C-alpha atoms as a PDB file:
ATOM      1  CA  MET A   1      -0.786   2.965  16.151  1.00  0.00           C
ATOM      2  CA  SER A   2      -2.380   3.424  12.753  1.00  0.00           C
ATOM      3  CA  ASN A   3      -1.852   6.472  10.593  1.00  0.00           C
ATOM      4  CA  ASN A   4      -5.388   7.319   9.465  1.00  0.00           C
ATOM      5  CA  ALA A   5      -4.372   9.877   6.834  1.00  0.00           C
ATOM      6  CA  ALA A   6      -1.935   7.405   5.261  1.00  0.00           C
ATOM      7  CA  ILE A   7      -4.539   4.625   5.246  1.00  0.00           C
ATOM      8  CA  VAL A   8      -7.171   6.744   3.528  1.00  0.00           C
ATOM      9  CA  GLU A   9      -4.720   8.148   0.971  1.00  0.00           C
ATOM     10  CA  LEU A  10      -3.241   4.719   0.166  1.00  0.00           C
ATOM     11  CA  SER A  11      -6.662   3.151  -0.301  1.00  0.00           C
ATOM     12  CA  GLN A  12      -7.962   6.022  -2.439  1.00  0.00           C
ATOM     13  CA  THR A  13      -4.826   5.960  -4.581  1.00  0.00           C
ATOM     14  CA  ALA A  14      -4.964   2.173  -5.029  1.00  0.00           C
ATOM     15  CA  ASN A  15      -8.615   2.320  -6.054  1.00  0.00           C
ATOM     16  CA  LYS A  16      -7.714   4.518  -9.037  1.00  0.00           C
ATOM     17  CA  TYR A  17      -5.999   1.520 -10.646  1.00  0.00           C
ATOM     18  CA  ARG A  18      -7.251  -1.736 -12.149  1.00  0.00           C
ATOM     19  CA  SER A  19      -4.155  -3.673 -11.052  1.00  0.00           C
ATOM     20  CA  SER A  20      -4.073  -6.021  -8.083  1.00  0.00           C
ATOM     21  CA  ILE A  21      -2.305  -4.175  -5.252  1.00  0.00           C
ATOM     22  CA  VAL A  22      -1.295  -6.215  -2.213  1.00  0.00           C
ATOM     23  CA  LEU A  23       0.751  -5.233   0.826  1.00  0.00           C
ATOM     24  CA  GLN A  24       2.766  -7.955   2.553  1.00  0.00           C
ATOM     25  CA  THR A  25       4.000  -7.797   6.124  1.00  0.00           C
ATOM     26  CA  GLU A  26       5.475 -10.888   7.722  1.00  0.00           C
ATOM     27  CA  ASN A  27       2.942 -13.607   6.813  1.00  0.00           C
ATOM     28  CA  LYS A  28      -0.043 -11.329   6.126  1.00  0.00           C
ATOM     29  CA  TYR A  29      -1.263 -10.160   2.737  1.00  0.00           C
ATOM     30  CA  ILE A  30      -3.621  -7.183   2.612  1.00  0.00           C
ATOM     31  CA  ASP A  31      -5.545  -5.715  -0.313  1.00  0.00           C
ATOM     32  CA  VAL A  32      -4.446  -2.061  -0.342  1.00  0.00           C
ATOM     33  CA  LYS A  33      -7.840  -1.108  -1.789  1.00  0.00           C
ATOM     34  CA  SER A  34      -9.427  -2.207   1.513  1.00  0.00           C
ATOM     35  CA  ILE A  35      -9.431   0.524   4.152  1.00  0.00           C
ATOM     36  CA  LEU A  36     -10.412  -1.998   6.833  1.00  0.00           C
ATOM     37  CA  GLY A  37      -7.523  -4.292   5.917  1.00  0.00           C
ATOM     38  CA  LEU A  38      -5.080  -1.398   6.132  1.00  0.00           C
ATOM     39  CA  PHE A  39      -6.446  -0.263   9.509  1.00  0.00           C
ATOM     40  CA  THR A  40      -5.666  -3.670  10.998  1.00  0.00           C
ATOM     41  CA  THR A  41      -2.183  -3.855   9.476  1.00  0.00           C
ATOM     42  CA  LEU A  42      -0.529  -0.529   8.751  1.00  0.00           C
ATOM     43  CA  VAL A  43       1.598   0.712  11.638  1.00  0.00           C
ATOM     44  CA  GLY A  44       4.701   2.844  11.677  1.00  0.00           C
ATOM     45  CA  GLY A  45       8.059   1.215  12.251  1.00  0.00           C
ATOM     46  CA  HIS A  46       7.273  -1.893  10.244  1.00  0.00           C
ATOM     47  CA  SER A  47       8.582  -2.686   6.790  1.00  0.00           C
ATOM     48  CA  TYR A  48       6.287  -3.793   4.009  1.00  0.00           C
ATOM     49  CA  GLU A  49       6.484  -5.260   0.535  1.00  0.00           C
ATOM     50  CA  LEU A  50       4.130  -3.961  -2.129  1.00  0.00           C
ATOM     51  CA  HIS A  51       3.084  -6.344  -4.893  1.00  0.00           C
ATOM     52  CA  VAL A  52       1.369  -4.767  -7.914  1.00  0.00           C
ATOM     53  CA  HIS A  53       0.262  -6.770 -10.946  1.00  0.00           C
ATOM     54  CA  GLY A  54      -1.955  -5.687 -13.804  1.00  0.00           C
ATOM     55  CA  PRO A  55      -2.384  -3.447 -16.823  1.00  0.00           C
ATOM     56  CA  ASP A  56      -1.486  -0.212 -15.042  1.00  0.00           C
ATOM     57  CA  ALA A  57       1.017  -1.629 -12.545  1.00  0.00           C
ATOM     58  CA  ASP A  58       3.903   0.712 -13.411  1.00  0.00           C
ATOM     59  CA  GLU A  59       1.839   3.848 -12.823  1.00  0.00           C
ATOM     60  CA  ALA A  60       0.351   2.406  -9.625  1.00  0.00           C
ATOM     61  CA  LYS A  61       3.786   1.492  -8.246  1.00  0.00           C
ATOM     62  CA  LYS A  62       5.114   5.006  -8.817  1.00  0.00           C
ATOM     63  CA  GLU A  63       2.168   6.792  -7.266  1.00  0.00           C
ATOM     64  CA  LEU A  64       1.866   4.441  -4.280  1.00  0.00           C
ATOM     65  CA  ALA A  65       5.613   4.625  -3.586  1.00  0.00           C
ATOM     66  CA  SER A  66       5.294   8.399  -3.284  1.00  0.00           C
ATOM     67  CA  VAL A  67       2.322   8.054  -0.904  1.00  0.00           C
ATOM     68  CA  PHE A  68       4.265   5.621   1.311  1.00  0.00           C
ATOM     69  CA  ALA A  69       7.250   8.006   1.317  1.00  0.00           C
ATOM     70  CA  LYS A  70       5.044  11.013   2.103  1.00  0.00           C
ATOM     71  CA  HIS A  71       3.811   9.244   5.246  1.00  0.00           C
ATOM     72  CA  ASN A  72       7.274   7.919   6.215  1.00  0.00           C
ATOM     73  CA  LEU A  73       6.256   4.276   5.790  1.00  0.00           C
ATOM     74  CA  ASN A  74       8.974   1.788   4.866  1.00  0.00           C
ATOM     75  CA  VAL A  75       7.957  -0.123   1.728  1.00  0.00           C
ATOM     76  CA  THR A  76       9.809  -2.173  -0.857  1.00  0.00           C
ATOM     77  CA  ILE A  77       8.209  -2.366  -4.284  1.00  0.00           C
ATOM     78  CA  VAL A  78       8.452  -5.964  -5.497  1.00  0.00           C
ATOM     79  CA  GLU A  79       9.145  -6.159  -9.224  1.00  0.00           C
END
């Protein structure tokens, strides 16, 4: 089951940044800026990898990590 509040907050947060922000789960890669992509992917109990590359990547990683934690979603930030 999707967590609508988490999806909206993650997408809105990601869209504040110019960096490429991609969530990986198993063999799927989803643009975190896409609400539709998150709706089809983000479910509790799964673990995810977050890939962030670009000019403001460090700030984006920090803020997105806190959003994932706030919604109790298991994510690993890939450096």
